[in-house]
N, C-alpha and C. Protein backbone atom coordinates (compact mmCIF):
# COMPACT_ATOMS: atom_id res chain seq x y z
N MET A 1 0.85 -1.14 0.02
CA MET A 1 0.00 0.00 -0.04
C MET A 1 0.88 1.34 0.02
N PRO A 2 0.76 2.09 -1.03
CA PRO A 2 1.61 3.35 -1.13
C PRO A 2 1.27 4.32 0.18
N THR A 3 2.46 4.97 0.65
CA THR A 3 2.27 5.73 1.83
C THR A 3 2.08 7.17 1.49
N LEU A 4 2.49 7.56 0.28
CA LEU A 4 2.32 8.99 -0.09
C LEU A 4 1.04 9.23 -0.76
N THR A 5 0.44 10.40 -0.49
CA THR A 5 -0.77 10.76 -1.35
C THR A 5 -0.57 12.16 -1.95
N GLU A 6 -1.31 12.54 -2.90
CA GLU A 6 -1.13 13.81 -3.61
C GLU A 6 -1.17 15.00 -2.57
N LEU A 7 -2.04 14.89 -1.57
CA LEU A 7 -2.21 15.83 -0.44
C LEU A 7 -0.90 16.06 0.17
N LYS A 8 -0.19 14.92 0.69
CA LYS A 8 0.98 15.01 1.42
C LYS A 8 2.02 15.66 0.52
N VAL A 9 2.15 15.27 -0.71
CA VAL A 9 3.05 15.73 -1.68
C VAL A 9 2.88 17.32 -1.78
N ARG A 10 1.71 17.70 -1.99
CA ARG A 10 1.39 19.18 -2.17
C ARG A 10 1.75 19.96 -0.95
N ALA A 11 1.58 19.27 0.20
CA ALA A 11 1.86 20.03 1.58
C ALA A 11 3.32 20.05 1.89
N ALA A 12 4.15 19.31 1.14
CA ALA A 12 5.58 19.36 1.50
C ALA A 12 6.22 20.76 1.29
N LYS A 13 6.84 21.26 2.29
CA LYS A 13 7.49 22.56 2.34
C LYS A 13 8.87 22.45 2.79
N ALA A 14 9.63 23.51 2.45
CA ALA A 14 11.09 23.59 2.77
C ALA A 14 11.25 23.59 4.21
N ALA A 15 12.31 23.01 4.65
CA ALA A 15 12.73 22.94 6.20
C ALA A 15 14.14 23.37 6.21
N GLU A 16 14.79 23.40 7.56
CA GLU A 16 16.14 23.86 7.75
C GLU A 16 17.07 22.74 7.10
N LYS A 17 16.64 21.50 7.03
CA LYS A 17 17.42 20.49 6.33
C LYS A 17 16.65 19.78 5.28
N PRO A 18 17.32 19.25 4.34
CA PRO A 18 16.53 18.42 3.32
C PRO A 18 15.87 17.23 3.96
N TYR A 19 14.85 16.80 3.50
CA TYR A 19 14.23 15.58 4.08
C TYR A 19 13.42 14.79 3.04
N LYS A 20 13.09 13.48 3.35
CA LYS A 20 12.58 12.61 2.35
C LYS A 20 11.16 12.20 2.83
N LEU A 21 10.23 12.14 1.85
CA LEU A 21 9.01 11.53 2.03
C LEU A 21 8.91 10.22 1.25
N TYR A 22 8.79 9.21 2.06
CA TYR A 22 8.95 7.81 1.29
C TYR A 22 7.51 7.38 0.84
N ASP A 23 7.52 6.74 -0.32
CA ASP A 23 6.37 6.03 -0.98
C ASP A 23 6.58 4.57 -0.67
N GLU A 24 6.80 3.83 -1.72
CA GLU A 24 7.07 2.42 -1.64
C GLU A 24 7.99 2.00 -2.82
N ARG A 25 8.58 0.76 -2.56
CA ARG A 25 9.44 0.12 -3.59
C ARG A 25 10.50 1.13 -4.06
N GLY A 26 11.17 1.86 -3.14
CA GLY A 26 12.24 2.61 -3.59
C GLY A 26 11.92 4.12 -3.99
N LEU A 27 10.70 4.50 -4.19
CA LEU A 27 10.40 5.88 -4.60
C LEU A 27 10.25 6.67 -3.36
N PHE A 28 10.84 7.84 -3.41
CA PHE A 28 10.80 8.88 -2.40
C PHE A 28 10.83 10.26 -3.04
N MET A 29 10.25 11.19 -2.32
CA MET A 29 10.49 12.61 -2.66
C MET A 29 11.49 13.25 -1.82
N LEU A 30 12.46 14.05 -2.44
CA LEU A 30 13.38 14.72 -1.64
C LEU A 30 13.02 16.14 -1.64
N VAL A 31 12.71 16.76 -0.44
CA VAL A 31 12.40 18.15 -0.30
C VAL A 31 13.48 18.82 0.10
N THR A 32 14.05 19.80 -0.73
CA THR A 32 15.27 20.59 -0.50
C THR A 32 15.12 21.75 0.37
N VAL A 33 16.15 22.35 0.96
CA VAL A 33 16.05 23.65 1.74
C VAL A 33 15.45 24.66 0.97
N ALA A 34 15.64 24.70 -0.33
CA ALA A 34 15.15 25.85 -1.16
C ALA A 34 13.70 25.57 -1.46
N GLY A 35 13.15 24.36 -1.16
CA GLY A 35 11.82 24.17 -1.43
C GLY A 35 11.46 23.18 -2.67
N GLY A 36 12.60 22.85 -3.26
CA GLY A 36 12.43 22.06 -4.46
C GLY A 36 12.08 20.52 -4.08
N ARG A 37 11.14 20.08 -4.94
CA ARG A 37 10.69 18.59 -4.58
C ARG A 37 11.04 17.68 -5.81
N LEU A 38 12.02 16.75 -5.47
CA LEU A 38 12.60 15.87 -6.42
C LEU A 38 12.20 14.49 -6.21
N TRP A 39 11.72 13.85 -7.24
CA TRP A 39 11.35 12.42 -7.24
C TRP A 39 12.54 11.60 -7.40
N ARG A 40 12.88 10.78 -6.51
CA ARG A 40 14.07 9.91 -6.54
C ARG A 40 13.73 8.46 -6.40
N PHE A 41 14.53 7.68 -7.00
CA PHE A 41 14.28 6.09 -6.82
C PHE A 41 15.47 5.54 -6.43
N LYS A 42 15.51 4.95 -5.29
CA LYS A 42 16.69 4.18 -4.74
C LYS A 42 16.57 2.74 -5.09
N TYR A 43 17.81 2.21 -5.56
CA TYR A 43 17.77 0.83 -5.96
C TYR A 43 19.30 0.29 -5.83
N ARG A 44 19.39 -1.11 -5.80
CA ARG A 44 20.78 -1.63 -5.71
C ARG A 44 21.08 -2.48 -7.06
N VAL A 45 22.40 -2.29 -7.32
CA VAL A 45 22.88 -3.05 -8.39
C VAL A 45 24.20 -3.73 -7.83
N GLY A 46 24.34 -4.99 -7.77
CA GLY A 46 25.47 -5.74 -7.34
C GLY A 46 25.73 -5.39 -5.93
N GLY A 47 24.74 -5.09 -5.16
CA GLY A 47 24.98 -4.83 -3.77
C GLY A 47 25.21 -3.30 -3.44
N VAL A 48 25.36 -2.41 -4.51
CA VAL A 48 25.66 -1.13 -4.32
C VAL A 48 24.47 -0.20 -4.58
N GLU A 49 24.18 0.62 -3.54
CA GLU A 49 22.97 1.48 -3.58
C GLU A 49 23.18 2.55 -4.62
N LYS A 50 22.14 2.85 -5.39
CA LYS A 50 22.23 3.88 -6.40
C LYS A 50 20.81 4.61 -6.35
N LEU A 51 20.86 5.90 -6.91
CA LEU A 51 19.77 6.83 -6.98
C LEU A 51 19.59 7.21 -8.39
N LEU A 52 18.23 7.34 -8.80
CA LEU A 52 17.90 7.67 -10.07
C LEU A 52 16.89 8.81 -9.81
N THR A 53 17.24 10.10 -10.42
CA THR A 53 16.21 11.07 -10.35
C THR A 53 15.18 10.94 -11.46
N LEU A 54 13.88 11.00 -10.97
CA LEU A 54 12.76 10.71 -11.91
C LEU A 54 12.10 12.02 -12.45
N GLY A 55 12.36 13.07 -11.80
CA GLY A 55 11.83 14.31 -12.19
C GLY A 55 11.52 15.24 -11.03
N ILE A 56 10.97 16.43 -11.35
CA ILE A 56 10.61 17.44 -10.39
C ILE A 56 9.19 17.67 -10.25
N TYR A 57 8.72 17.60 -9.03
CA TYR A 57 7.27 17.95 -8.80
C TYR A 57 7.06 19.39 -8.94
N PRO A 58 5.99 19.93 -9.44
CA PRO A 58 4.78 19.30 -9.98
C PRO A 58 4.84 18.86 -11.41
N ASP A 59 6.12 19.05 -12.13
CA ASP A 59 6.21 18.66 -13.43
C ASP A 59 5.86 17.16 -13.61
N VAL A 60 6.39 16.34 -12.71
CA VAL A 60 6.15 14.94 -12.63
C VAL A 60 5.22 14.72 -11.47
N SER A 61 4.04 14.21 -11.63
CA SER A 61 3.01 14.00 -10.63
C SER A 61 3.36 12.82 -9.80
N LEU A 62 2.79 12.51 -8.78
CA LEU A 62 3.01 11.32 -7.95
C LEU A 62 2.61 10.08 -8.82
N LYS A 63 1.62 10.15 -9.59
CA LYS A 63 1.19 9.03 -10.48
C LYS A 63 2.31 8.71 -11.42
N ARG A 64 2.73 9.80 -12.11
CA ARG A 64 3.74 9.60 -13.10
C ARG A 64 5.15 9.15 -12.51
N ALA A 65 5.51 9.50 -11.26
CA ALA A 65 6.67 9.21 -10.65
C ALA A 65 6.59 7.72 -10.31
N ARG A 66 5.45 7.20 -9.94
CA ARG A 66 5.29 5.79 -9.68
C ARG A 66 5.48 5.02 -11.01
N GLU A 67 4.82 5.49 -12.10
CA GLU A 67 5.12 4.77 -13.41
C GLU A 67 6.44 4.79 -13.73
N LYS A 68 7.20 5.92 -13.61
CA LYS A 68 8.64 5.87 -13.99
C LYS A 68 9.42 4.93 -13.07
N ARG A 69 9.10 4.86 -11.77
CA ARG A 69 9.75 4.00 -10.87
C ARG A 69 9.49 2.43 -11.32
N ASP A 70 8.15 2.22 -11.68
CA ASP A 70 7.94 0.83 -12.20
C ASP A 70 8.62 0.56 -13.43
N ASP A 71 8.88 1.55 -14.45
CA ASP A 71 9.60 1.33 -15.65
C ASP A 71 10.92 0.96 -15.26
N ALA A 72 11.49 1.76 -14.34
CA ALA A 72 12.98 1.52 -13.96
C ALA A 72 13.14 0.05 -13.27
N ARG A 73 12.10 -0.21 -12.51
CA ARG A 73 12.25 -1.62 -11.78
C ARG A 73 12.27 -2.76 -12.81
N ARG A 74 11.33 -2.61 -13.92
CA ARG A 74 11.21 -3.50 -15.06
C ARG A 74 12.62 -3.48 -15.72
N ALA A 75 13.18 -2.44 -15.97
CA ALA A 75 14.46 -2.48 -16.70
C ALA A 75 15.47 -3.08 -15.83
N LEU A 76 15.60 -2.83 -14.54
CA LEU A 76 16.51 -3.54 -13.66
C LEU A 76 16.36 -5.02 -13.78
N ALA A 77 15.08 -5.45 -13.76
CA ALA A 77 14.69 -6.92 -13.83
C ALA A 77 15.26 -7.54 -15.06
N ASP A 78 15.39 -6.69 -16.16
CA ASP A 78 15.90 -7.13 -17.45
C ASP A 78 17.38 -6.94 -17.52
N GLY A 79 18.06 -6.47 -16.41
CA GLY A 79 19.50 -6.23 -16.37
C GLY A 79 19.99 -5.03 -16.89
N ILE A 80 19.15 -3.98 -16.91
CA ILE A 80 19.52 -2.66 -17.48
C ILE A 80 19.45 -1.66 -16.36
N ASP A 81 20.62 -0.98 -16.09
CA ASP A 81 20.70 0.03 -15.06
C ASP A 81 20.59 1.30 -15.71
N LEU A 82 19.35 1.86 -15.51
CA LEU A 82 19.02 3.19 -16.21
C LEU A 82 19.85 4.28 -15.71
N GLY A 83 20.41 4.33 -14.53
CA GLY A 83 21.48 5.42 -14.14
C GLY A 83 22.63 5.31 -14.85
N ALA A 84 23.18 4.03 -15.08
CA ALA A 84 24.32 3.87 -16.02
C ALA A 84 24.16 4.24 -17.32
N LYS A 85 23.01 3.86 -17.88
CA LYS A 85 22.51 4.14 -19.25
C LYS A 85 22.50 5.66 -19.41
N ARG A 86 21.92 6.38 -18.42
CA ARG A 86 21.83 7.89 -18.57
C ARG A 86 23.16 8.48 -18.52
N ARG A 87 24.11 7.99 -17.59
CA ARG A 87 25.38 8.50 -17.55
C ARG A 87 26.23 8.29 -18.85
N ALA A 88 26.11 7.14 -19.49
CA ALA A 88 26.68 6.81 -20.69
C ALA A 88 26.29 7.75 -21.85
N LYS A 89 24.95 8.00 -21.75
CA LYS A 89 24.33 8.92 -22.79
C LYS A 89 24.91 10.37 -22.63
N SER A 90 25.04 10.82 -21.30
CA SER A 90 25.53 12.03 -20.96
C SER A 90 27.06 12.30 -21.34
N ASP A 91 27.86 11.15 -21.08
CA ASP A 91 29.21 11.13 -21.46
C ASP A 91 29.43 11.20 -22.91
N ALA A 92 28.56 10.52 -23.67
CA ALA A 92 28.66 10.59 -25.16
C ALA A 92 28.45 12.09 -25.58
N LYS A 93 27.69 12.80 -25.00
CA LYS A 93 27.34 14.15 -25.44
C LYS A 93 28.65 15.13 -25.04
N THR A 94 29.30 14.80 -23.85
CA THR A 94 30.29 15.72 -23.36
C THR A 94 31.61 15.25 -23.96
N ASN A 95 31.82 14.09 -24.42
CA ASN A 95 33.09 13.55 -24.94
C ASN A 95 33.06 13.63 -26.45
N THR A 96 32.39 14.63 -26.97
CA THR A 96 32.52 14.85 -28.47
C THR A 96 33.99 15.58 -28.77
N PHE A 97 34.33 15.51 -29.99
CA PHE A 97 35.58 16.16 -30.26
C PHE A 97 35.52 17.70 -30.02
N LEU A 98 34.43 18.39 -30.18
CA LEU A 98 34.35 19.83 -30.01
C LEU A 98 34.44 19.96 -28.49
N ALA A 99 33.80 19.18 -27.58
CA ALA A 99 33.82 19.44 -26.22
C ALA A 99 35.26 19.28 -25.63
N VAL A 100 35.92 18.12 -26.07
CA VAL A 100 37.27 17.87 -25.59
C VAL A 100 38.26 18.98 -26.18
N ALA A 101 38.18 19.36 -27.43
CA ALA A 101 38.97 20.44 -27.93
C ALA A 101 38.74 21.77 -27.27
N ASP A 102 37.53 22.12 -26.86
CA ASP A 102 37.21 23.28 -26.18
C ASP A 102 37.87 23.25 -24.86
N GLU A 103 37.91 22.16 -24.11
CA GLU A 103 38.38 22.00 -22.76
C GLU A 103 39.92 22.16 -22.80
N TRP A 104 40.52 21.49 -23.88
CA TRP A 104 41.94 21.61 -24.19
C TRP A 104 42.36 23.02 -24.35
N LEU A 105 41.51 23.82 -25.29
CA LEU A 105 41.73 25.07 -25.58
C LEU A 105 41.77 26.03 -24.42
N LEU A 106 40.76 25.76 -23.45
CA LEU A 106 40.79 26.63 -22.29
C LEU A 106 41.93 26.43 -21.38
N THR A 107 42.38 25.23 -21.28
CA THR A 107 43.48 24.95 -20.48
C THR A 107 44.81 25.42 -21.10
N LYS A 108 44.91 25.52 -22.33
CA LYS A 108 46.11 25.97 -23.09
C LYS A 108 46.02 27.39 -23.56
N LYS A 109 44.88 28.11 -23.07
CA LYS A 109 44.64 29.46 -23.65
C LYS A 109 46.00 30.48 -23.50
N ALA A 110 46.57 30.50 -22.49
CA ALA A 110 47.61 31.43 -22.21
C ALA A 110 48.82 31.22 -23.30
N SER A 111 49.21 30.00 -23.27
CA SER A 111 50.35 29.79 -24.49
C SER A 111 49.81 29.79 -25.90
N LEU A 112 48.43 29.57 -26.06
CA LEU A 112 48.07 29.74 -27.50
C LEU A 112 47.84 31.31 -27.78
N THR A 113 47.30 32.00 -26.94
CA THR A 113 47.01 33.39 -27.18
C THR A 113 48.29 34.23 -27.32
N GLU A 114 49.32 33.84 -26.80
CA GLU A 114 50.58 34.52 -26.83
C GLU A 114 51.41 34.01 -28.00
N SER A 115 50.95 33.01 -28.83
CA SER A 115 51.81 32.49 -29.86
C SER A 115 51.67 33.36 -31.05
N THR A 116 52.83 33.92 -31.53
CA THR A 116 52.90 34.80 -32.61
C THR A 116 53.49 34.22 -33.74
N TRP A 117 53.18 34.65 -35.00
CA TRP A 117 53.89 34.09 -36.21
C TRP A 117 55.44 34.54 -36.21
N GLU A 118 55.60 35.85 -35.76
CA GLU A 118 57.00 36.24 -35.66
C GLU A 118 57.80 35.54 -34.78
N ARG A 119 57.42 35.37 -33.57
CA ARG A 119 58.14 34.69 -32.46
C ARG A 119 58.14 33.04 -32.72
N ASP A 120 56.98 32.67 -33.40
CA ASP A 120 57.03 31.18 -33.41
C ASP A 120 57.01 30.62 -34.89
N ARG A 121 57.91 31.29 -35.75
CA ARG A 121 57.96 30.98 -37.11
C ARG A 121 58.33 29.54 -37.21
N GLN A 122 59.14 29.00 -36.28
CA GLN A 122 59.61 27.70 -36.38
C GLN A 122 58.52 26.68 -36.04
N GLN A 123 57.37 27.12 -35.60
CA GLN A 123 56.31 26.26 -35.11
C GLN A 123 55.70 25.39 -36.19
N VAL A 124 55.86 25.71 -37.55
CA VAL A 124 55.31 24.84 -38.54
C VAL A 124 56.28 23.68 -38.83
N GLN A 125 56.63 23.15 -37.77
CA GLN A 125 57.60 21.98 -37.72
C GLN A 125 56.92 21.02 -36.68
N PRO A 126 57.52 19.78 -36.67
CA PRO A 126 56.92 18.85 -35.78
C PRO A 126 56.98 19.12 -34.26
N LEU A 127 57.76 20.19 -33.92
CA LEU A 127 57.78 20.56 -32.49
C LEU A 127 57.16 22.02 -32.27
N TRP A 128 56.42 22.03 -31.12
CA TRP A 128 55.90 23.32 -30.73
C TRP A 128 56.70 23.80 -29.54
N ARG A 129 57.42 24.85 -29.69
CA ARG A 129 58.40 25.25 -28.61
C ARG A 129 57.73 26.43 -27.90
N VAL A 130 57.43 26.31 -26.61
CA VAL A 130 56.93 27.42 -25.71
C VAL A 130 58.09 27.99 -24.99
N PRO A 131 58.46 29.20 -25.10
CA PRO A 131 59.63 29.64 -24.46
C PRO A 131 59.44 29.67 -22.96
N ALA A 132 60.63 29.67 -22.28
CA ALA A 132 60.48 29.47 -20.71
C ALA A 132 59.74 30.65 -19.98
N GLU A 133 59.99 32.08 -20.60
CA GLU A 133 59.33 33.07 -19.99
C GLU A 133 57.76 32.89 -20.06
N ARG A 134 57.14 32.15 -20.96
CA ARG A 134 55.75 31.98 -21.11
C ARG A 134 55.17 30.73 -20.30
N MET A 135 56.08 30.05 -19.60
CA MET A 135 55.70 28.94 -18.83
C MET A 135 55.70 29.30 -17.37
N LYS A 136 54.72 28.79 -16.63
CA LYS A 136 54.64 28.93 -15.15
C LYS A 136 55.90 28.57 -14.33
N MET A 137 56.46 27.47 -14.67
CA MET A 137 57.61 26.89 -14.03
C MET A 137 58.88 27.50 -14.65
N ARG A 138 58.88 28.53 -15.59
CA ARG A 138 59.92 29.07 -16.14
C ARG A 138 60.86 28.23 -16.87
N GLU A 139 60.39 27.07 -17.48
CA GLU A 139 61.26 26.17 -18.13
C GLU A 139 60.62 26.05 -19.51
N ALA A 140 61.51 25.99 -20.60
CA ALA A 140 61.04 25.78 -21.90
C ALA A 140 60.21 24.49 -22.13
N HIS A 141 59.17 24.55 -22.80
CA HIS A 141 58.22 23.42 -23.07
C HIS A 141 58.29 23.10 -24.45
N ILE A 142 58.61 21.83 -24.80
CA ILE A 142 58.55 21.27 -26.13
C ILE A 142 57.53 20.42 -26.37
N VAL A 143 56.67 20.49 -27.22
CA VAL A 143 55.56 19.56 -27.55
C VAL A 143 55.69 19.14 -28.93
N PRO A 144 55.83 17.71 -29.04
CA PRO A 144 55.76 17.03 -30.26
C PRO A 144 54.44 17.15 -30.84
N LEU A 145 54.38 17.57 -32.23
CA LEU A 145 53.17 17.70 -32.98
C LEU A 145 52.89 16.52 -33.89
N ALA A 146 51.65 16.17 -33.91
CA ALA A 146 51.26 15.21 -34.89
C ALA A 146 51.34 15.75 -36.32
N ARG A 147 51.52 14.82 -37.32
CA ARG A 147 51.61 15.20 -38.67
C ARG A 147 50.42 16.11 -39.08
N GLN A 148 49.25 15.67 -38.42
CA GLN A 148 47.97 16.38 -38.89
C GLN A 148 48.06 17.77 -38.33
N SER A 149 48.65 17.93 -37.06
CA SER A 149 48.75 19.42 -36.43
C SER A 149 49.65 20.16 -37.29
N VAL A 150 50.78 19.60 -37.81
CA VAL A 150 51.74 20.39 -38.65
C VAL A 150 50.98 20.89 -39.87
N GLU A 151 50.06 19.93 -40.47
CA GLU A 151 49.46 20.27 -41.74
C GLU A 151 48.35 21.43 -41.48
N ILE A 152 47.80 21.37 -40.25
CA ILE A 152 46.71 22.44 -39.95
C ILE A 152 47.40 23.71 -39.77
N LEU A 153 48.57 23.71 -39.06
CA LEU A 153 49.25 25.00 -38.92
C LEU A 153 49.83 25.53 -40.27
N ARG A 154 50.24 24.62 -41.09
CA ARG A 154 50.60 25.12 -42.47
C ARG A 154 49.52 25.69 -43.21
N ALA A 155 48.27 25.07 -43.03
CA ALA A 155 47.15 25.69 -43.71
C ALA A 155 46.68 26.92 -43.13
N LEU A 156 46.91 27.13 -41.78
CA LEU A 156 46.51 28.35 -41.07
C LEU A 156 47.43 29.49 -41.40
N GLN A 157 48.67 29.33 -41.73
CA GLN A 157 49.55 30.31 -41.85
C GLN A 157 49.16 31.42 -42.89
N PRO A 158 48.71 31.03 -44.16
CA PRO A 158 48.37 31.89 -45.12
C PRO A 158 47.12 32.75 -44.70
N ILE A 159 46.30 32.14 -43.76
CA ILE A 159 45.13 32.86 -43.31
C ILE A 159 45.48 33.81 -42.13
N THR A 160 46.25 33.48 -41.20
CA THR A 160 46.46 34.29 -39.98
C THR A 160 47.95 34.86 -40.05
N GLY A 161 48.78 34.49 -40.97
CA GLY A 161 50.21 34.72 -40.96
C GLY A 161 50.45 36.19 -41.00
N ARG A 162 49.58 36.94 -41.57
CA ARG A 162 49.84 38.44 -41.68
C ARG A 162 49.45 39.22 -40.42
N GLN A 163 48.79 38.45 -39.55
CA GLN A 163 48.40 39.10 -38.15
C GLN A 163 49.50 38.57 -37.24
N GLN A 164 49.42 39.32 -36.15
CA GLN A 164 50.44 38.92 -35.06
C GLN A 164 50.37 37.69 -34.43
N TYR A 165 49.04 37.22 -34.18
CA TYR A 165 48.90 36.03 -33.37
C TYR A 165 48.51 34.80 -34.34
N VAL A 166 49.00 33.74 -33.96
CA VAL A 166 48.69 32.41 -34.65
C VAL A 166 47.21 32.06 -34.50
N PHE A 167 46.60 32.28 -33.36
CA PHE A 167 45.27 32.12 -33.06
C PHE A 167 44.52 33.32 -32.77
N PRO A 168 44.32 34.32 -33.64
CA PRO A 168 43.70 35.59 -33.21
C PRO A 168 42.24 35.57 -32.80
N ALA A 169 41.53 34.50 -32.95
CA ALA A 169 40.14 34.45 -32.59
C ALA A 169 39.92 34.06 -31.25
N ILE A 170 40.98 33.66 -30.49
CA ILE A 170 40.79 33.23 -29.06
C ILE A 170 40.59 34.50 -28.17
N GLY A 171 39.59 34.83 -27.50
CA GLY A 171 39.44 35.84 -26.66
C GLY A 171 40.17 35.70 -25.37
N ARG A 172 40.16 36.71 -24.65
CA ARG A 172 40.83 36.77 -23.37
C ARG A 172 40.09 35.79 -22.34
N ASP A 173 38.70 35.61 -22.52
CA ASP A 173 38.06 34.70 -21.66
C ASP A 173 38.03 33.30 -22.21
N GLY A 174 38.82 32.98 -23.27
CA GLY A 174 38.92 31.62 -23.80
C GLY A 174 37.85 31.33 -24.84
N SER A 175 36.87 32.24 -25.11
CA SER A 175 35.84 31.96 -26.04
C SER A 175 36.45 32.01 -27.50
N ARG A 176 35.74 31.28 -28.38
CA ARG A 176 35.99 31.31 -29.79
C ARG A 176 35.11 32.19 -30.45
N SER A 177 35.64 33.01 -31.37
CA SER A 177 34.63 33.76 -32.17
C SER A 177 34.34 32.98 -33.40
N GLY A 178 33.09 32.98 -33.76
CA GLY A 178 32.62 32.37 -35.09
C GLY A 178 32.53 30.93 -35.02
N GLY A 179 32.49 30.34 -33.70
CA GLY A 179 32.56 28.97 -33.39
C GLY A 179 31.33 28.59 -32.67
């Protein structure tokens, strides 16, 4: 017999600490300090407790949360961990070439934004040399470049070679213009 009712769910208000309102078969509502009401499903896979968020009330009603819980239980019975499936889907979105390239670009922003054709003319070679004065540890940094990287730099030189910087479109905040 379910323990939660629509009336209890509607009456749930924020408190000093987050608290849970339990239904049955792993379903509960987490009421946050800010007053958010989240449907969660607690389950175990291989003896490890896991949580799956099913939605936010009132967007997801009590009835719909129970349906989603039942769907998740059926998937678990079939050997499918919906939490792992959701994470894999999310990872697939964030591990795109563009996402990885943007992350690399943000971490390498300082050395890239200061790369000039004048100072780095030797760069269209298989080695990228970052002078010691541009490095945090004040030691020269030599990066071997893949053949494809050298080809890209050679193709880039006629486009940005008349400008001071090798990568002029990288802004101070790391953003790319036109991208």
